[in-house]
Amino acid sequence: MRRKNLFKLFTDAGCVFVADKKSQRGMLRAQMRHRNLPGYPWKETEGFKLFLLNMRIFRALYGFMKKKTLRRIAGKSKRITFLRHLESRVDVVLSRSGVVPNIWKARQLIRHGHVELNKSKVSDSGLLVGPGDIIQISRSYITGHEYPLTSKIFSKKPEHLEIDYASYRIVYLFYPEKLWYPARFDFDYVWKGLIV
């Protein structure tokens, strides 16, 4: 399925990951079987299927980031700092704030040079933001293009961001301690699959 159609499916449902009843039941049955099999390697049991399902949800939350990129980030960071590293990326911060409609729009604005970090243009969507950094969409883009602000997917306002919707300006206050996701996934399976 094309990325545009996938995102339309996600936004229509009001969440990032959409699973039908059959696959949800299958995932629950696989989890129960996996818990009842002590001592077996996780790839030889239903754990590998759970890894794939959880990884699909996880990648959907971060705009279908490549597994290669996720493995590289996981190799550099520890289990605790991995999510903090992902949440500090410029494209993720823009999409979480609700200033742009989705993560792909954030990446497009970054590629075209319409995003500034501390008054200097950003050209890489994977650039990390630290506490006190200011992200702003350039004035020339704001006056020429009007698109509605949306927070449909991530309806909870992030506590670690100070957002000024009038001037399209975001201040990254601190590294987040608690993260809220609109879809449920098991982070243990995701982390285990990334570091193997």
N, C-alpha and C. Protein backbone atom coordinates (compact mmCIF):
# COMPACT_ATOMS: atom_id res chain seq x y z
N MET A 1 0.85 -1.18 0.00
CA MET A 1 0.00 0.00 0.00
C MET A 1 0.89 1.24 0.00
N ARG A 2 0.53 2.22 -0.80
CA ARG A 2 1.34 3.42 -0.89
C ARG A 2 1.28 4.21 0.41
N ARG A 3 2.34 4.99 0.65
CA ARG A 3 2.45 5.73 1.89
C ARG A 3 1.31 6.71 2.09
N LYS A 4 0.88 7.38 1.01
CA LYS A 4 -0.20 8.35 1.11
C LYS A 4 -1.51 7.67 1.55
N ASN A 5 -1.79 6.51 0.94
CA ASN A 5 -3.00 5.77 1.31
C ASN A 5 -2.93 5.27 2.75
N LEU A 6 -1.73 4.82 3.17
CA LEU A 6 -1.55 4.37 4.55
C LEU A 6 -1.84 5.50 5.51
N PHE A 7 -1.29 6.70 5.22
CA PHE A 7 -1.50 7.81 6.14
C PHE A 7 -2.96 8.24 6.17
N LYS A 8 -3.66 8.17 5.01
CA LYS A 8 -5.08 8.50 4.97
C LYS A 8 -5.87 7.52 5.83
N LEU A 9 -5.47 6.25 5.77
CA LEU A 9 -6.12 5.23 6.59
C LEU A 9 -5.93 5.54 8.07
N PHE A 10 -4.71 5.98 8.43
CA PHE A 10 -4.42 6.29 9.84
C PHE A 10 -5.20 7.51 10.31
N THR A 11 -5.21 8.58 9.49
CA THR A 11 -5.87 9.81 9.93
C THR A 11 -7.38 9.66 9.98
N ASP A 12 -7.95 8.88 9.06
CA ASP A 12 -9.39 8.67 9.08
C ASP A 12 -9.83 7.96 10.35
N ALA A 13 -8.99 7.06 10.84
CA ALA A 13 -9.34 6.32 12.04
C ALA A 13 -9.02 7.13 13.30
N GLY A 14 -8.25 8.21 13.16
CA GLY A 14 -7.91 9.03 14.32
C GLY A 14 -6.78 8.46 15.15
N CYS A 15 -6.05 7.48 14.61
CA CYS A 15 -4.90 6.94 15.32
C CYS A 15 -3.84 6.59 14.30
N VAL A 16 -2.66 6.22 14.78
CA VAL A 16 -1.56 5.98 13.86
C VAL A 16 -1.56 4.55 13.34
N PHE A 17 -1.93 3.59 14.13
CA PHE A 17 -1.90 2.20 13.68
C PHE A 17 -3.31 1.64 13.65
N VAL A 18 -3.70 1.10 12.53
CA VAL A 18 -5.03 0.53 12.38
C VAL A 18 -4.88 -0.97 12.16
N ALA A 19 -5.49 -1.77 13.01
CA ALA A 19 -5.46 -3.22 12.85
C ALA A 19 -6.88 -3.73 12.89
N ASP A 20 -7.18 -4.68 12.03
CA ASP A 20 -8.53 -5.25 12.06
C ASP A 20 -8.65 -6.23 13.21
N LYS A 21 -9.86 -6.67 13.49
CA LYS A 21 -10.13 -7.54 14.64
C LYS A 21 -9.37 -8.86 14.54
N LYS A 22 -9.26 -9.40 13.32
CA LYS A 22 -8.60 -10.69 13.14
C LYS A 22 -7.12 -10.62 13.53
N SER A 23 -6.42 -9.58 13.07
CA SER A 23 -4.99 -9.47 13.41
C SER A 23 -4.79 -9.13 14.89
N GLN A 24 -5.73 -8.39 15.50
CA GLN A 24 -5.62 -8.12 16.94
C GLN A 24 -5.76 -9.41 17.73
N ARG A 25 -6.75 -10.26 17.35
CA ARG A 25 -6.92 -11.55 18.04
C ARG A 25 -5.70 -12.44 17.85
N GLY A 26 -5.16 -12.44 16.62
CA GLY A 26 -3.97 -13.24 16.34
C GLY A 26 -2.79 -12.79 17.17
N MET A 27 -2.64 -11.46 17.35
CA MET A 27 -1.53 -10.94 18.14
C MET A 27 -1.67 -11.34 19.61
N LEU A 28 -2.90 -11.27 20.14
CA LEU A 28 -3.13 -11.66 21.54
C LEU A 28 -2.87 -13.14 21.74
N ARG A 29 -3.32 -13.99 20.77
CA ARG A 29 -3.06 -15.43 20.88
C ARG A 29 -1.56 -15.72 20.83
N ALA A 30 -0.84 -15.00 19.95
CA ALA A 30 0.61 -15.20 19.84
C ALA A 30 1.31 -14.79 21.12
N GLN A 31 0.85 -13.71 21.76
CA GLN A 31 1.44 -13.28 23.03
C GLN A 31 1.24 -14.33 24.11
N MET A 32 0.03 -14.91 24.16
CA MET A 32 -0.24 -15.94 25.18
C MET A 32 0.61 -17.18 24.94
N ARG A 33 0.74 -17.61 23.69
CA ARG A 33 1.57 -18.78 23.39
C ARG A 33 3.02 -18.52 23.74
N HIS A 34 3.48 -17.30 23.45
CA HIS A 34 4.89 -16.98 23.72
C HIS A 34 5.18 -16.97 25.21
N ARG A 35 4.20 -16.49 26.00
CA ARG A 35 4.41 -16.47 27.46
C ARG A 35 4.43 -17.88 28.04
N ASN A 36 3.76 -18.82 27.40
CA ASN A 36 3.69 -20.19 27.92
C ASN A 36 4.83 -21.08 27.43
N LEU A 37 5.79 -20.53 26.71
CA LEU A 37 6.92 -21.32 26.22
C LEU A 37 8.20 -20.85 26.90
N PRO A 38 8.53 -21.41 28.07
CA PRO A 38 9.73 -20.94 28.77
C PRO A 38 11.01 -21.51 28.16
N GLY A 39 12.02 -20.68 28.09
CA GLY A 39 13.35 -21.15 27.72
C GLY A 39 13.64 -21.27 26.24
N TYR A 40 12.71 -20.96 25.37
CA TYR A 40 12.96 -21.07 23.94
C TYR A 40 13.46 -19.74 23.40
N PRO A 41 14.39 -19.80 22.42
CA PRO A 41 14.83 -18.54 21.80
C PRO A 41 13.66 -17.83 21.15
N TRP A 42 13.65 -16.50 21.25
CA TRP A 42 12.48 -15.74 20.82
C TRP A 42 12.25 -15.80 19.32
N LYS A 43 13.31 -15.99 18.50
CA LYS A 43 13.11 -16.03 17.05
C LYS A 43 12.48 -17.34 16.60
N GLU A 44 12.66 -18.41 17.36
CA GLU A 44 12.11 -19.70 16.96
C GLU A 44 10.67 -19.87 17.39
N THR A 45 10.14 -18.97 18.16
CA THR A 45 8.75 -19.06 18.63
C THR A 45 7.94 -17.95 17.99
N GLU A 46 6.81 -17.67 18.56
CA GLU A 46 5.94 -16.61 18.05
C GLU A 46 6.50 -15.22 18.34
N GLY A 47 7.61 -15.15 19.08
CA GLY A 47 8.21 -13.86 19.41
C GLY A 47 8.63 -13.08 18.18
N PHE A 48 9.05 -13.79 17.13
CA PHE A 48 9.47 -13.09 15.93
C PHE A 48 8.28 -12.41 15.27
N LYS A 49 7.13 -13.07 15.28
CA LYS A 49 5.91 -12.47 14.73
C LYS A 49 5.52 -11.23 15.55
N LEU A 50 5.65 -11.35 16.87
CA LEU A 50 5.35 -10.21 17.74
C LEU A 50 6.31 -9.05 17.48
N PHE A 51 7.58 -9.39 17.23
CA PHE A 51 8.55 -8.34 16.90
C PHE A 51 8.12 -7.60 15.64
N LEU A 52 7.72 -8.35 14.61
CA LEU A 52 7.32 -7.72 13.35
C LEU A 52 6.09 -6.82 13.53
N LEU A 53 5.09 -7.31 14.28
CA LEU A 53 3.88 -6.52 14.49
C LEU A 53 4.16 -5.26 15.31
N ASN A 54 4.94 -5.43 16.39
CA ASN A 54 5.28 -4.27 17.23
C ASN A 54 6.16 -3.28 16.48
N MET A 55 7.08 -3.81 15.64
CA MET A 55 7.95 -2.93 14.87
C MET A 55 7.14 -2.13 13.84
N ARG A 56 6.10 -2.75 13.28
CA ARG A 56 5.26 -2.04 12.32
C ARG A 56 4.54 -0.88 13.00
N ILE A 57 4.01 -1.11 14.18
CA ILE A 57 3.35 -0.04 14.92
C ILE A 57 4.35 1.07 15.26
N PHE A 58 5.53 0.65 15.75
CA PHE A 58 6.56 1.61 16.16
C PHE A 58 7.03 2.46 14.98
N ARG A 59 7.27 1.83 13.84
CA ARG A 59 7.71 2.58 12.67
C ARG A 59 6.62 3.53 12.17
N ALA A 60 5.35 3.11 12.29
CA ALA A 60 4.25 3.99 11.88
C ALA A 60 4.20 5.25 12.73
N LEU A 61 4.53 5.12 14.01
CA LEU A 61 4.54 6.28 14.90
C LEU A 61 5.62 7.29 14.52
N TYR A 62 6.70 6.81 13.92
CA TYR A 62 7.80 7.68 13.54
C TYR A 62 7.92 7.84 12.03
N GLY A 63 6.78 7.81 11.32
CA GLY A 63 6.77 8.10 9.90
C GLY A 63 7.45 7.05 9.05
N PHE A 64 7.33 5.79 9.43
CA PHE A 64 7.93 4.67 8.71
C PHE A 64 9.42 4.88 8.47
N MET A 65 10.13 5.23 9.54
CA MET A 65 11.56 5.38 9.50
C MET A 65 12.20 4.03 9.14
N LYS A 66 13.26 4.04 8.39
CA LYS A 66 13.89 2.79 7.95
C LYS A 66 14.46 2.02 9.14
N LYS A 67 14.38 0.69 9.04
CA LYS A 67 14.92 -0.16 10.12
C LYS A 67 16.42 0.05 10.26
N LYS A 68 17.09 0.29 9.15
CA LYS A 68 18.53 0.53 9.18
C LYS A 68 18.85 1.76 10.04
N THR A 69 18.06 2.80 9.88
CA THR A 69 18.26 4.03 10.67
C THR A 69 17.97 3.78 12.14
N LEU A 70 16.89 3.04 12.41
CA LEU A 70 16.56 2.72 13.80
C LEU A 70 17.65 1.88 14.46
N ARG A 71 18.21 0.91 13.70
CA ARG A 71 19.29 0.07 14.25
C ARG A 71 20.54 0.90 14.53
N ARG A 72 20.83 1.86 13.65
CA ARG A 72 22.00 2.73 13.86
C ARG A 72 21.83 3.57 15.13
N ILE A 73 20.63 4.12 15.31
CA ILE A 73 20.36 4.93 16.51
C ILE A 73 20.41 4.06 17.77
N ALA A 74 19.85 2.83 17.67
CA ALA A 74 19.86 1.92 18.82
C ALA A 74 21.27 1.49 19.18
N GLY A 75 22.15 1.37 18.17
CA GLY A 75 23.53 0.99 18.43
C GLY A 75 24.30 2.07 19.17
N LYS A 76 23.96 3.34 18.90
CA LYS A 76 24.64 4.46 19.56
C LYS A 76 24.12 4.73 20.96
N SER A 77 22.84 4.44 21.19
CA SER A 77 22.22 4.81 22.47
C SER A 77 21.89 3.57 23.30
N LYS A 78 21.52 3.81 24.53
CA LYS A 78 21.09 2.73 25.42
C LYS A 78 19.59 2.58 25.34
N ARG A 79 19.07 1.55 26.00
CA ARG A 79 17.63 1.26 25.95
C ARG A 79 16.80 2.44 26.48
N ILE A 80 17.28 3.09 27.53
CA ILE A 80 16.54 4.18 28.15
C ILE A 80 16.58 5.44 27.28
N THR A 81 17.71 5.71 26.65
CA THR A 81 17.86 6.95 25.89
C THR A 81 17.44 6.82 24.43
N PHE A 82 17.06 5.63 23.99
CA PHE A 82 16.70 5.42 22.59
C PHE A 82 15.46 6.24 22.19
N LEU A 83 14.40 6.17 22.98
CA LEU A 83 13.18 6.93 22.67
C LEU A 83 13.42 8.43 22.82
N ARG A 84 14.24 8.81 23.80
CA ARG A 84 14.55 10.23 23.98
C ARG A 84 15.30 10.77 22.76
N HIS A 85 16.17 9.92 22.20
CA HIS A 85 16.91 10.30 21.00
C HIS A 85 15.95 10.51 19.82
N LEU A 86 15.00 9.59 19.66
CA LEU A 86 14.03 9.71 18.57
C LEU A 86 13.13 10.93 18.74
N GLU A 87 12.71 11.19 19.98
CA GLU A 87 11.82 12.33 20.24
C GLU A 87 12.54 13.67 20.14
N SER A 88 13.86 13.67 20.05
CA SER A 88 14.63 14.91 19.95
C SER A 88 14.93 15.29 18.49
N ARG A 89 14.52 14.46 17.55
CA ARG A 89 14.74 14.78 16.13
C ARG A 89 13.85 15.96 15.72
N VAL A 90 14.34 16.77 14.81
CA VAL A 90 13.62 17.98 14.38
C VAL A 90 12.28 17.62 13.74
N ASP A 91 12.26 16.61 12.87
CA ASP A 91 11.01 16.25 12.19
C ASP A 91 9.96 15.72 13.17
N VAL A 92 10.41 14.96 14.17
CA VAL A 92 9.48 14.42 15.17
C VAL A 92 8.93 15.53 16.05
N VAL A 93 9.79 16.47 16.45
CA VAL A 93 9.35 17.60 17.28
C VAL A 93 8.30 18.43 16.53
N LEU A 94 8.53 18.68 15.25
CA LEU A 94 7.56 19.44 14.45
C LEU A 94 6.22 18.73 14.36
N SER A 95 6.25 17.42 14.13
CA SER A 95 4.98 16.69 13.99
C SER A 95 4.26 16.55 15.32
N ARG A 96 4.99 16.36 16.43
CA ARG A 96 4.37 16.24 17.75
C ARG A 96 3.71 17.55 18.17
N SER A 97 4.29 18.66 17.75
CA SER A 97 3.77 19.96 18.17
C SER A 97 2.42 20.29 17.53
N GLY A 98 2.15 19.72 16.37
CA GLY A 98 0.90 20.03 15.68
C GLY A 98 1.00 21.24 14.78
N VAL A 99 2.19 21.79 14.62
CA VAL A 99 2.40 22.93 13.73
C VAL A 99 2.29 22.50 12.27
N VAL A 100 2.69 21.26 11.98
CA VAL A 100 2.54 20.68 10.64
C VAL A 100 1.57 19.51 10.71
N PRO A 101 0.88 19.19 9.63
CA PRO A 101 -0.13 18.13 9.68
C PRO A 101 0.41 16.74 9.96
N ASN A 102 1.61 16.43 9.46
CA ASN A 102 2.17 15.08 9.67
C ASN A 102 3.68 15.12 9.56
N ILE A 103 4.31 13.99 9.82
CA ILE A 103 5.78 13.93 9.84
C ILE A 103 6.37 14.08 8.44
N TRP A 104 5.63 13.64 7.41
CA TRP A 104 6.13 13.77 6.05
C TRP A 104 6.15 15.23 5.61
N LYS A 105 5.17 16.00 6.03
CA LYS A 105 5.16 17.44 5.74
C LYS A 105 6.33 18.11 6.44
N ALA A 106 6.63 17.67 7.67
CA ALA A 106 7.78 18.23 8.41
C ALA A 106 9.08 17.94 7.66
N ARG A 107 9.23 16.71 7.18
CA ARG A 107 10.45 16.36 6.44
C ARG A 107 10.56 17.13 5.13
N GLN A 108 9.42 17.37 4.48
CA GLN A 108 9.43 18.13 3.23
C GLN A 108 9.85 19.58 3.49
N LEU A 109 9.31 20.19 4.55
CA LEU A 109 9.69 21.58 4.88
C LEU A 109 11.18 21.67 5.20
N ILE A 110 11.72 20.65 5.89
CA ILE A 110 13.15 20.66 6.23
C ILE A 110 13.99 20.54 4.97
N ARG A 111 13.59 19.63 4.06
CA ARG A 111 14.34 19.44 2.81
C ARG A 111 14.37 20.70 1.96
N HIS A 112 13.29 21.46 1.97
CA HIS A 112 13.22 22.67 1.15
C HIS A 112 13.77 23.90 1.87
N GLY A 113 14.27 23.73 3.08
CA GLY A 113 14.93 24.83 3.79
C GLY A 113 14.01 25.84 4.42
N HIS A 114 12.79 25.43 4.81
CA HIS A 114 11.84 26.35 5.43
C HIS A 114 11.85 26.28 6.95
N VAL A 115 12.71 25.45 7.53
CA VAL A 115 12.74 25.28 8.99
C VAL A 115 14.06 25.83 9.52
N GLU A 116 13.96 26.60 10.61
CA GLU A 116 15.16 27.19 11.23
C GLU A 116 15.30 26.66 12.65
N LEU A 117 16.52 26.34 13.00
CA LEU A 117 16.85 25.93 14.37
C LEU A 117 17.83 26.95 14.91
N ASN A 118 17.42 27.69 15.93
CA ASN A 118 18.23 28.77 16.50
C ASN A 118 18.69 29.76 15.42
N LYS A 119 17.76 30.16 14.55
CA LYS A 119 17.95 31.15 13.49
C LYS A 119 18.93 30.72 12.40
N SER A 120 19.18 29.41 12.26
CA SER A 120 19.98 28.91 11.14
C SER A 120 19.19 27.79 10.45
N LYS A 121 19.27 27.72 9.13
CA LYS A 121 18.46 26.77 8.36
C LYS A 121 18.88 25.33 8.68
N VAL A 122 17.87 24.47 8.71
CA VAL A 122 18.09 23.04 8.95
C VAL A 122 17.96 22.32 7.63
N SER A 123 18.93 21.46 7.32
CA SER A 123 18.86 20.70 6.07
C SER A 123 18.71 19.20 6.31
N ASP A 124 18.89 18.76 7.55
CA ASP A 124 18.81 17.33 7.89
C ASP A 124 17.67 17.11 8.87
N SER A 125 16.74 16.21 8.52
CA SER A 125 15.59 15.95 9.40
C SER A 125 15.97 15.17 10.65
N GLY A 126 17.14 14.53 10.63
CA GLY A 126 17.58 13.76 11.78
C GLY A 126 18.41 14.55 12.79
N LEU A 127 18.48 15.85 12.60
CA LEU A 127 19.24 16.71 13.51
C LEU A 127 18.61 16.70 14.89
N LEU A 128 19.43 16.58 15.94
CA LEU A 128 18.90 16.49 17.30
C LEU A 128 18.76 17.88 17.92
N VAL A 129 17.70 18.01 18.69
CA VAL A 129 17.38 19.27 19.37
C VAL A 129 17.67 19.08 20.86
N GLY A 130 18.22 20.11 21.50
CA GLY A 130 18.49 20.06 22.93
C GLY A 130 17.62 21.04 23.69
N PRO A 131 17.64 20.95 25.02
CA PRO A 131 16.85 21.90 25.82
C PRO A 131 17.26 23.34 25.56
N GLY A 132 16.26 24.19 25.36
CA GLY A 132 16.51 25.60 25.09
C GLY A 132 16.56 25.95 23.61
N ASP A 133 16.57 24.96 22.73
CA ASP A 133 16.61 25.23 21.29
C ASP A 133 15.25 25.72 20.79
N ILE A 134 15.30 26.59 19.79
CA ILE A 134 14.08 27.17 19.22
C ILE A 134 13.97 26.74 17.76
N ILE A 135 12.83 26.14 17.42
CA ILE A 135 12.54 25.72 16.04
C ILE A 135 11.45 26.65 15.51
N GLN A 136 11.65 27.14 14.29
CA GLN A 136 10.67 28.04 13.72
C GLN A 136 10.57 27.80 12.21
N ILE A 137 9.35 27.89 11.70
CA ILE A 137 9.13 27.81 10.25
C ILE A 137 9.32 29.22 9.70
N SER A 138 10.03 29.33 8.58
CA SER A 138 10.40 30.64 8.04
C SER A 138 9.18 31.48 7.67
N ARG A 139 9.30 32.78 7.86
CA ARG A 139 8.21 33.72 7.60
C ARG A 139 7.79 33.71 6.14
N SER A 140 8.75 33.55 5.23
CA SER A 140 8.41 33.56 3.80
C SER A 140 7.48 32.40 3.44
N TYR A 141 7.66 31.27 4.08
CA TYR A 141 6.78 30.13 3.80
C TYR A 141 5.40 30.33 4.42
N ILE A 142 5.34 30.87 5.62
CA ILE A 142 4.06 31.06 6.32
C ILE A 142 3.15 32.00 5.54
N THR A 143 3.69 33.10 5.01
CA THR A 143 2.87 34.07 4.30
C THR A 143 2.38 33.53 2.96
N GLY A 144 3.16 32.67 2.32
CA GLY A 144 2.78 32.15 1.01
C GLY A 144 1.86 30.95 1.06
N HIS A 145 1.91 30.18 2.13
CA HIS A 145 1.13 28.94 2.21
C HIS A 145 0.31 28.92 3.49
N GLU A 146 -0.92 28.59 3.34
CA GLU A 146 -1.79 28.43 4.51
C GLU A 146 -2.24 26.98 4.58
N TYR A 147 -1.94 26.32 5.68
CA TYR A 147 -2.49 24.97 5.89
C TYR A 147 -2.97 24.90 7.32
N PRO A 148 -4.03 24.14 7.55
CA PRO A 148 -4.61 24.13 8.90
C PRO A 148 -3.72 23.44 9.91
N LEU A 149 -3.67 24.01 11.10
CA LEU A 149 -2.95 23.35 12.19
C LEU A 149 -3.73 22.12 12.61
N THR A 150 -3.03 21.06 12.88
CA THR A 150 -3.73 19.84 13.24
C THR A 150 -3.02 19.15 14.40
N SER A 151 -3.81 18.60 15.28
CA SER A 151 -3.27 17.75 16.34
C SER A 151 -4.19 16.55 16.47
N LYS A 152 -4.65 16.06 15.31
CA LYS A 152 -5.64 14.98 15.30
C LYS A 152 -5.05 13.67 15.81
N ILE A 153 -3.83 13.35 15.37
CA ILE A 153 -3.24 12.07 15.76
C ILE A 153 -2.73 12.15 17.19
N PHE A 154 -1.85 13.11 17.47
CA PHE A 154 -1.32 13.28 18.82
C PHE A 154 -2.11 14.38 19.50
N SER A 155 -3.27 14.02 20.05
CA SER A 155 -4.18 15.03 20.59
C SER A 155 -3.69 15.61 21.91
N LYS A 156 -2.80 14.90 22.61
CA LYS A 156 -2.27 15.45 23.86
C LYS A 156 -1.10 16.38 23.56
N LYS A 157 -1.15 17.56 24.14
CA LYS A 157 -0.07 18.53 23.94
C LYS A 157 1.17 18.08 24.69
N PRO A 158 2.31 18.00 24.01
CA PRO A 158 3.53 17.56 24.69
C PRO A 158 3.95 18.53 25.78
N GLU A 159 4.30 18.00 26.94
CA GLU A 159 4.69 18.85 28.07
C GLU A 159 6.08 19.44 27.89
N HIS A 160 6.92 18.78 27.10
CA HIS A 160 8.31 19.22 26.96
C HIS A 160 8.48 20.28 25.85
N LEU A 161 7.37 20.69 25.24
CA LEU A 161 7.43 21.70 24.19
C LEU A 161 6.59 22.92 24.55
N GLU A 162 7.11 24.10 24.27
CA GLU A 162 6.33 25.32 24.39
C GLU A 162 6.04 25.78 22.97
N ILE A 163 4.76 25.80 22.60
CA ILE A 163 4.37 26.02 21.21
C ILE A 163 3.64 27.35 21.07
N ASP A 164 4.09 28.16 20.12
CA ASP A 164 3.41 29.40 19.78
C ASP A 164 2.84 29.22 18.37
N TYR A 165 1.52 28.96 18.30
CA TYR A 165 0.89 28.66 17.02
C TYR A 165 0.74 29.91 16.14
N ALA A 166 0.78 31.08 16.72
CA ALA A 166 0.64 32.31 15.93
C ALA A 166 1.88 32.57 15.08
N SER A 167 3.06 32.32 15.66
CA SER A 167 4.30 32.58 14.93
C SER A 167 5.00 31.31 14.45
N TYR A 168 4.34 30.15 14.61
CA TYR A 168 4.92 28.86 14.19
C TYR A 168 6.29 28.65 14.83
N ARG A 169 6.33 28.82 16.12
CA ARG A 169 7.59 28.74 16.86
C ARG A 169 7.47 27.72 17.98
N ILE A 170 8.50 26.87 18.14
CA ILE A 170 8.51 25.82 19.16
C ILE A 170 9.78 25.94 19.98
N VAL A 171 9.64 25.92 21.29
CA VAL A 171 10.80 25.93 22.19
C VAL A 171 10.86 24.56 22.86
N TYR A 172 12.00 23.89 22.69
CA TYR A 172 12.21 22.58 23.30
C TYR A 172 12.70 22.81 24.73
N LEU A 173 11.84 22.54 25.72
CA LEU A 173 12.14 22.90 27.10
C LEU A 173 13.07 21.91 27.80
N PHE A 174 12.75 20.63 27.72
CA PHE A 174 13.56 19.60 28.39
C PHE A 174 13.33 18.26 27.70
N TYR A 175 14.20 17.29 28.03
CA TYR A 175 14.03 15.95 27.47
C TYR A 175 12.82 15.29 28.14
N PRO A 176 11.93 14.69 27.36
CA PRO A 176 10.71 14.13 27.95
C PRO A 176 10.99 12.91 28.81
N GLU A 177 10.33 12.85 29.96
CA GLU A 177 10.44 11.68 30.85
C GLU A 177 9.35 10.66 30.53
N LYS A 178 8.14 11.14 30.23
CA LYS A 178 7.03 10.27 29.89
C LYS A 178 6.57 10.59 28.47
N LEU A 179 6.31 9.54 27.71
CA LEU A 179 5.86 9.72 26.34
C LEU A 179 4.48 9.10 26.18
N TRP A 180 3.62 9.77 25.44
CA TRP A 180 2.28 9.28 25.18
C TRP A 180 2.17 8.91 23.71
N TYR A 181 1.70 7.69 23.43
CA TYR A 181 1.53 7.22 22.06
C TYR A 181 0.06 6.87 21.83
N PRO A 182 -0.45 7.14 20.64
CA PRO A 182 -1.86 6.82 20.36
C PRO A 182 -2.09 5.35 20.04
N ALA A 183 -1.04 4.55 19.90
CA ALA A 183 -1.19 3.12 19.62
C ALA A 183 -0.38 2.33 20.63
N ARG A 184 -0.85 1.14 20.98
CA ARG A 184 -0.15 0.30 21.96
C ARG A 184 0.86 -0.60 21.27
N PHE A 185 2.06 -0.67 21.82
CA PHE A 185 3.06 -1.61 21.33
C PHE A 185 3.95 -2.00 22.50
N ASP A 186 4.61 -3.15 22.35
CA ASP A 186 5.49 -3.66 23.40
C ASP A 186 6.92 -3.24 23.06
N PHE A 187 7.47 -2.31 23.82
CA PHE A 187 8.80 -1.78 23.50
C PHE A 187 9.89 -2.83 23.68
N ASP A 188 9.67 -3.82 24.56
CA ASP A 188 10.66 -4.87 24.76
C ASP A 188 10.95 -5.63 23.47
N TYR A 189 9.89 -5.95 22.72
CA TYR A 189 10.07 -6.67 21.46
C TYR A 189 10.77 -5.80 20.43
N VAL A 190 10.44 -4.53 20.40
CA VAL A 190 11.07 -3.62 19.45
C VAL A 190 12.56 -3.50 19.74
N TRP A 191 12.91 -3.28 21.01
CA TRP A 191 14.32 -3.11 21.38
C TRP A 191 15.10 -4.40 21.16
N LYS A 192 14.52 -5.54 21.51
CA LYS A 192 15.18 -6.83 21.34
C LYS A 192 15.46 -7.09 19.87
N GLY A 193 14.52 -6.74 19.01
CA GLY A 193 14.71 -6.93 17.57
C GLY A 193 15.71 -5.99 16.97
N LEU A 194 15.86 -4.78 17.52
CA LEU A 194 16.79 -3.81 16.97
C LEU A 194 18.23 -4.10 17.33
N ILE A 195 18.48 -4.62 18.53
CA ILE A 195 19.86 -4.83 18.95
C ILE A 195 20.40 -6.20 18.58
N VAL A 196 19.55 -7.12 18.07
CA VAL A 196 20.03 -8.47 17.69
C VAL A 196 20.80 -8.36 16.40
